[in-house]
Amino acid sequence: MACQITELCIGCYNCEPVCPRKAIVEAGGRFIIKAIRCNECRENTDGPRCRLVCPVEGAICASVS
């Protein structure tokens, strides 16, 4: 499974540098998560790092196939 960035994203850049797998990239003025790289930060007991630093609730969803 992989996380997904929704249309609620405000482009704050908080998520990109915290991704340990470099799955978050900017594309066409918005951010996307490369599903092939994202493992939802399984090693982090608090959950996906991108969701933890995102200031907008619902901008990053987990477990999207």
PDB file of N, CA and C in Angstrom:
ATOM      1  N   MET A   1       0.839  -1.184   0.000  1.00  0.00           N
ATOM      2  CA  MET A   1       0.000   0.000   0.000  1.00  0.00           C
ATOM      3  C   MET A   1       0.887   1.252   0.000  1.00  0.00           C
ATOM      4  N   ALA A   2       0.280   2.367  -0.355  1.00  0.00           N
ATOM      5  CA  ALA A   2       1.013   3.622  -0.414  1.00  0.00           C
ATOM      6  C   ALA A   2       0.107   4.774  -0.003  1.00  0.00           C
ATOM      7  N   CYS A   3       0.725   5.820   0.476  1.00  0.00           N
ATOM      8  CA  CYS A   3      -0.014   7.042   0.792  1.00  0.00           C
ATOM      9  C   CYS A   3      -0.315   7.780  -0.513  1.00  0.00           C
ATOM     10  N   GLN A   4      -1.233   8.724  -0.433  1.00  0.00           N
ATOM     11  CA  GLN A   4      -1.587   9.529  -1.598  1.00  0.00           C
ATOM     12  C   GLN A   4      -1.846  10.953  -1.129  1.00  0.00           C
ATOM     13  N   ILE A   5      -1.394  11.920  -1.912  1.00  0.00           N
ATOM     14  CA  ILE A   5      -1.634  13.327  -1.608  1.00  0.00           C
ATOM     15  C   ILE A   5      -2.893  13.750  -2.350  1.00  0.00           C
ATOM     16  N   THR A   6      -3.834  14.342  -1.616  1.00  0.00           N
ATOM     17  CA  THR A   6      -5.122  14.725  -2.191  1.00  0.00           C
ATOM     18  C   THR A   6      -5.105  16.174  -2.688  1.00  0.00           C
ATOM     19  N   GLU A   7      -6.240  16.590  -3.249  1.00  0.00           N
ATOM     20  CA  GLU A   7      -6.381  17.971  -3.740  1.00  0.00           C
ATOM     21  C   GLU A   7      -6.383  18.992  -2.608  1.00  0.00           C
ATOM     22  N   LEU A   8      -6.450  18.553  -1.368  1.00  0.00           N
ATOM     23  CA  LEU A   8      -6.401  19.472  -0.227  1.00  0.00           C
ATOM     24  C   LEU A   8      -4.999  19.999   0.048  1.00  0.00           C
ATOM     25  N   CYS A   9      -3.998  19.417  -0.588  1.00  0.00           N
ATOM     26  CA  CYS A   9      -2.603  19.826  -0.394  1.00  0.00           C
ATOM     27  C   CYS A   9      -2.439  21.315  -0.722  1.00  0.00           C
ATOM     28  N   ILE A  10      -1.762  22.030   0.172  1.00  0.00           N
ATOM     29  CA  ILE A  10      -1.522  23.461  -0.028  1.00  0.00           C
ATOM     30  C   ILE A  10      -0.109  23.745  -0.541  1.00  0.00           C
ATOM     31  N   GLY A  11       0.668  22.692  -0.784  1.00  0.00           N
ATOM     32  CA  GLY A  11       2.018  22.865  -1.326  1.00  0.00           C
ATOM     33  C   GLY A  11       2.991  23.484  -0.355  1.00  0.00           C
ATOM     34  N   CYS A  12       2.924  23.113   0.907  1.00  0.00           N
ATOM     35  CA  CYS A  12       3.771  23.734   1.936  1.00  0.00           C
ATOM     36  C   CYS A  12       5.193  23.176   1.966  1.00  0.00           C
ATOM     37  N   TYR A  13       5.442  22.074   1.271  1.00  0.00           N
ATOM     38  CA  TYR A  13       6.768  21.432   1.201  1.00  0.00           C
ATOM     39  C   TYR A  13       7.181  20.729   2.486  1.00  0.00           C
ATOM     40  N   ASN A  14       6.337  20.613   3.488  1.00  0.00           N
ATOM     41  CA  ASN A  14       6.719  19.944   4.738  1.00  0.00           C
ATOM     42  C   ASN A  14       6.989  18.458   4.530  1.00  0.00           C
ATOM     43  N   CYS A  15       6.240  17.825   3.673  1.00  0.00           N
ATOM     44  CA  CYS A  15       6.313  16.368   3.518  1.00  0.00           C
ATOM     45  C   CYS A  15       7.539  15.886   2.747  1.00  0.00           C
ATOM     46  N   GLU A  16       7.924  16.608   1.734  1.00  0.00           N
ATOM     47  CA  GLU A  16       8.989  16.146   0.837  1.00  0.00           C
ATOM     48  C   GLU A  16      10.296  15.804   1.565  1.00  0.00           C
ATOM     49  N   PRO A  17      10.825  16.666   2.416  1.00  0.00           N
ATOM     50  CA  PRO A  17      12.113  16.350   3.048  1.00  0.00           C
ATOM     51  C   PRO A  17      12.059  15.270   4.129  1.00  0.00           C
ATOM     52  N   VAL A  18      10.889  14.956   4.662  1.00  0.00           N
ATOM     53  CA  VAL A  18      10.821  13.956   5.736  1.00  0.00           C
ATOM     54  C   VAL A  18      10.620  12.537   5.222  1.00  0.00           C
ATOM     55  N   CYS A  19      10.382  12.369   3.942  1.00  0.00           N
ATOM     56  CA  CYS A  19      10.157  11.036   3.384  1.00  0.00           C
ATOM     57  C   CYS A  19      11.484  10.280   3.294  1.00  0.00           C
ATOM     58  N   PRO A  20      11.624   9.195   4.065  1.00  0.00           N
ATOM     59  CA  PRO A  20      12.894   8.459   4.065  1.00  0.00           C
ATOM     60  C   PRO A  20      13.146   7.682   2.772  1.00  0.00           C
ATOM     61  N   ARG A  21      12.121   7.454   1.984  1.00  0.00           N
ATOM     62  CA  ARG A  21      12.261   6.676   0.752  1.00  0.00           C
ATOM     63  C   ARG A  21      12.241   7.558  -0.502  1.00  0.00           C
ATOM     64  N   LYS A  22      12.229   8.878  -0.305  1.00  0.00           N
ATOM     65  CA  LYS A  22      12.217   9.829  -1.433  1.00  0.00           C
ATOM     66  C   LYS A  22      11.057   9.546  -2.386  1.00  0.00           C
ATOM     67  N   ALA A  23       9.896   9.196  -1.808  1.00  0.00           N
ATOM     68  CA  ALA A  23       8.722   8.870  -2.616  1.00  0.00           C
ATOM     69  C   ALA A  23       7.913  10.098  -2.999  1.00  0.00           C
ATOM     70  N   ILE A  24       8.124  11.215  -2.312  1.00  0.00           N
ATOM     71  CA  ILE A  24       7.340  12.429  -2.576  1.00  0.00           C
ATOM     72  C   ILE A  24       8.119  13.337  -3.514  1.00  0.00           C
ATOM     73  N   VAL A  25       7.483  13.683  -4.623  1.00  0.00           N
ATOM     74  CA  VAL A  25       8.116  14.551  -5.608  1.00  0.00           C
ATOM     75  C   VAL A  25       7.127  15.620  -6.064  1.00  0.00           C
ATOM     76  N   GLU A  26       7.681  16.721  -6.511  1.00  0.00           N
ATOM     77  CA  GLU A  26       6.848  17.778  -7.076  1.00  0.00           C
ATOM     78  C   GLU A  26       6.701  17.506  -8.566  1.00  0.00           C
ATOM     79  N   ALA A  27       5.479  17.594  -9.046  1.00  0.00           N
ATOM     80  CA  ALA A  27       5.218  17.344 -10.463  1.00  0.00           C
ATOM     81  C   ALA A  27       4.120  18.279 -10.941  1.00  0.00           C
ATOM     82  N   GLY A  28       4.458  19.140 -11.848  1.00  0.00           N
ATOM     83  CA  GLY A  28       3.470  20.038 -12.417  1.00  0.00           C
ATOM     84  C   GLY A  28       2.864  21.008 -11.413  1.00  0.00           C
ATOM     85  N   GLY A  29       3.652  21.461 -10.461  1.00  0.00           N
ATOM     86  CA  GLY A  29       3.169  22.425  -9.487  1.00  0.00           C
ATOM     87  C   GLY A  29       2.446  21.822  -8.297  1.00  0.00           C
ATOM     88  N   ARG A  30       2.395  20.499  -8.220  1.00  0.00           N
ATOM     89  CA  ARG A  30       1.790  19.856  -7.054  1.00  0.00           C
ATOM     90  C   ARG A  30       2.637  18.655  -6.655  1.00  0.00           C
ATOM     91  N   PHE A  31       2.366  18.127  -5.483  1.00  0.00           N
ATOM     92  CA  PHE A  31       3.131  16.997  -4.987  1.00  0.00           C
ATOM     93  C   PHE A  31       2.400  15.694  -5.237  1.00  0.00           C
ATOM     94  N   ILE A  32       3.179  14.658  -5.525  1.00  0.00           N
ATOM     95  CA  ILE A  32       2.643  13.317  -5.684  1.00  0.00           C
ATOM     96  C   ILE A  32       3.524  12.351  -4.900  1.00  0.00           C
ATOM     97  N   ILE A  33       2.967  11.188  -4.605  1.00  0.00           N
ATOM     98  CA  ILE A  33       3.730  10.141  -3.941  1.00  0.00           C
ATOM     99  C   ILE A  33       3.874   8.987  -4.918  1.00  0.00           C
ATOM    100  N   LYS A  34       5.114   8.608  -5.186  1.00  0.00           N
ATOM    101  CA  LYS A  34       5.377   7.473  -6.063  1.00  0.00           C
ATOM    102  C   LYS A  34       5.075   6.202  -5.277  1.00  0.00           C
ATOM    103  N   ALA A  35       3.992   5.543  -5.640  1.00  0.00           N
ATOM    104  CA  ALA A  35       3.511   4.373  -4.900  1.00  0.00           C
ATOM    105  C   ALA A  35       4.543   3.256  -4.831  1.00  0.00           C
ATOM    106  N   ILE A  36       5.333   3.120  -5.855  1.00  0.00           N
ATOM    107  CA  ILE A  36       6.332   2.047  -5.885  1.00  0.00           C
ATOM    108  C   ILE A  36       7.390   2.235  -4.787  1.00  0.00           C
ATOM    109  N   ARG A  37       7.601   3.477  -4.353  1.00  0.00           N
ATOM    110  CA  ARG A  37       8.602   3.762  -3.317  1.00  0.00           C
ATOM    111  C   ARG A  37       8.009   3.831  -1.914  1.00  0.00           C
ATOM    112  N   CYS A  38       6.742   4.199  -1.807  1.00  0.00           N
ATOM    113  CA  CYS A  38       6.122   4.440  -0.499  1.00  0.00           C
ATOM    114  C   CYS A  38       5.758   3.128   0.200  1.00  0.00           C
ATOM    115  N   ASN A  39       6.175   3.004   1.455  1.00  0.00           N
ATOM    116  CA  ASN A  39       5.770   1.853   2.263  1.00  0.00           C
ATOM    117  C   ASN A  39       5.027   2.313   3.523  1.00  0.00           C
ATOM    118  N   GLU A  40       4.508   3.534   3.488  1.00  0.00           N
ATOM    119  CA  GLU A  40       3.774   4.147   4.602  1.00  0.00           C
ATOM    120  C   GLU A  40       4.606   4.202   5.875  1.00  0.00           C
ATOM    121  N   CYS A  41       5.914   4.306   5.722  1.00  0.00           N
ATOM    122  CA  CYS A  41       6.851   4.391   6.850  1.00  0.00           C
ATOM    123  C   CYS A  41       6.592   3.281   7.869  1.00  0.00           C
ATOM    124  N   ARG A  42       6.525   2.067   7.385  1.00  0.00           N
ATOM    125  CA  ARG A  42       6.255   0.917   8.259  1.00  0.00           C
ATOM    126  C   ARG A  42       7.170   0.857   9.469  1.00  0.00           C
ATOM    127  N   GLU A  43       8.392   1.347   9.319  1.00  0.00           N
ATOM    128  CA  GLU A  43       9.357   1.311  10.414  1.00  0.00           C
ATOM    129  C   GLU A  43       9.070   2.355  11.490  1.00  0.00           C
ATOM    130  N   ASN A  44       8.196   3.304  11.195  1.00  0.00           N
ATOM    131  CA  ASN A  44       7.863   4.373  12.137  1.00  0.00           C
ATOM    132  C   ASN A  44       6.558   4.015  12.859  1.00  0.00           C
ATOM    133  N   THR A  45       6.627   3.790  14.148  1.00  0.00           N
ATOM    134  CA  THR A  45       5.448   3.364  14.909  1.00  0.00           C
ATOM    135  C   THR A  45       4.364   4.434  14.988  1.00  0.00           C
ATOM    136  N   ASP A  46       4.701   5.687  14.723  1.00  0.00           N
ATOM    137  CA  ASP A  46       3.721   6.771  14.766  1.00  0.00           C
ATOM    138  C   ASP A  46       2.962   6.940  13.453  1.00  0.00           C
ATOM    139  N   GLY A  47       3.352   6.199  12.423  1.00  0.00           N
ATOM    140  CA  GLY A  47       2.684   6.298  11.142  1.00  0.00           C
ATOM    141  C   GLY A  47       3.525   7.007  10.103  1.00  0.00           C
ATOM    142  N   PRO A  48       2.959   7.243   8.925  1.00  0.00           N
ATOM    143  CA  PRO A  48       3.693   7.900   7.842  1.00  0.00           C
ATOM    144  C   PRO A  48       4.193   9.287   8.266  1.00  0.00           C
ATOM    145  N   ARG A  49       5.468   9.521   8.058  1.00  0.00           N
ATOM    146  CA  ARG A  49       6.073  10.805   8.443  1.00  0.00           C
ATOM    147  C   ARG A  49       5.425  11.990   7.731  1.00  0.00           C
ATOM    148  N   CYS A  50       5.053  11.793   6.477  1.00  0.00           N
ATOM    149  CA  CYS A  50       4.443  12.889   5.718  1.00  0.00           C
ATOM    150  C   CYS A  50       3.134  13.335   6.367  1.00  0.00           C
ATOM    151  N   ARG A  51       2.341  12.386   6.821  1.00  0.00           N
ATOM    152  CA  ARG A  51       1.074  12.732   7.482  1.00  0.00           C
ATOM    153  C   ARG A  51       1.314  13.437   8.808  1.00  0.00           C
ATOM    154  N   LEU A  52       2.376  13.066   9.499  1.00  0.00           N
ATOM    155  CA  LEU A  52       2.672  13.666  10.803  1.00  0.00           C
ATOM    156  C   LEU A  52       3.050  15.136  10.693  1.00  0.00           C
ATOM    157  N   VAL A  53       3.669  15.530   9.591  1.00  0.00           N
ATOM    158  CA  VAL A  53       4.108  16.923   9.447  1.00  0.00           C
ATOM    159  C   VAL A  53       3.152  17.777   8.626  1.00  0.00           C
ATOM    160  N   CYS A  54       2.148  17.163   8.044  1.00  0.00           N
ATOM    161  CA  CYS A  54       1.211  17.902   7.194  1.00  0.00           C
ATOM    162  C   CYS A  54       0.279  18.769   8.043  1.00  0.00           C
ATOM    163  N   PRO A  55       0.186  20.069   7.728  1.00  0.00           N
ATOM    164  CA  PRO A  55      -0.676  20.967   8.491  1.00  0.00           C
ATOM    165  C   PRO A  55      -2.156  20.903   8.089  1.00  0.00           C
ATOM    166  N   VAL A  56      -2.480  20.146   7.030  1.00  0.00           N
ATOM    167  CA  VAL A  56      -3.846  20.101   6.521  1.00  0.00           C
ATOM    168  C   VAL A  56      -4.418  18.689   6.720  1.00  0.00           C
ATOM    169  N   GLU A  57      -5.417  18.579   7.551  1.00  0.00           N
ATOM    170  CA  GLU A  57      -6.037  17.277   7.778  1.00  0.00           C
ATOM    171  C   GLU A  57      -6.694  16.783   6.489  1.00  0.00           C
ATOM    172  N   GLY A  58      -6.378  15.561   6.120  1.00  0.00           N
ATOM    173  CA  GLY A  58      -6.961  14.970   4.930  1.00  0.00           C
ATOM    174  C   GLY A  58      -6.178  15.205   3.651  1.00  0.00           C
ATOM    175  N   ALA A  59      -5.076  15.940   3.726  1.00  0.00           N
ATOM    176  CA  ALA A  59      -4.297  16.200   2.517  1.00  0.00           C
ATOM    177  C   ALA A  59      -3.454  15.000   2.116  1.00  0.00           C
ATOM    178  N   ILE A  60      -3.148  14.121   3.087  1.00  0.00           N
ATOM    179  CA  ILE A  60      -2.399  12.910   2.797  1.00  0.00           C
ATOM    180  C   ILE A  60      -3.182  11.732   3.363  1.00  0.00           C
ATOM    181  N   CYS A  61      -3.573  10.830   2.477  1.00  0.00           N
ATOM    182  CA  CYS A  61      -4.332   9.651   2.863  1.00  0.00           C
ATOM    183  C   CYS A  61      -3.442   8.427   2.813  1.00  0.00           C
ATOM    184  N   ALA A  62      -3.623   7.522   3.752  1.00  0.00           N
ATOM    185  CA  ALA A  62      -2.849   6.283   3.766  1.00  0.00           C
ATOM    186  C   ALA A  62      -3.645   5.144   3.159  1.00  0.00           C
ATOM    187  N   SER A  63      -2.946   4.095   2.831  1.00  0.00           N
ATOM    188  CA  SER A  63      -3.538   2.842   2.344  1.00  0.00           C
ATOM    189  C   SER A  63      -4.396   3.009   1.111  1.00  0.00           C
ATOM    190  N   VAL A  64      -3.857   3.680   0.118  1.00  0.00           N
ATOM    191  CA  VAL A  64      -4.520   3.798  -1.172  1.00  0.00           C
ATOM    192  C   VAL A  64      -3.777   2.908  -2.136  1.00  0.00           C
ATOM    193  N   SER A  65      -4.474   2.002  -2.774  1.00  0.00           N
ATOM    194  CA  SER A  65      -3.785   1.093  -3.700  1.00  0.00           C
ATOM    195  C   SER A  65      -3.819   1.609  -5.112  1.00  0.00           C
TER     196      SER A  65
END
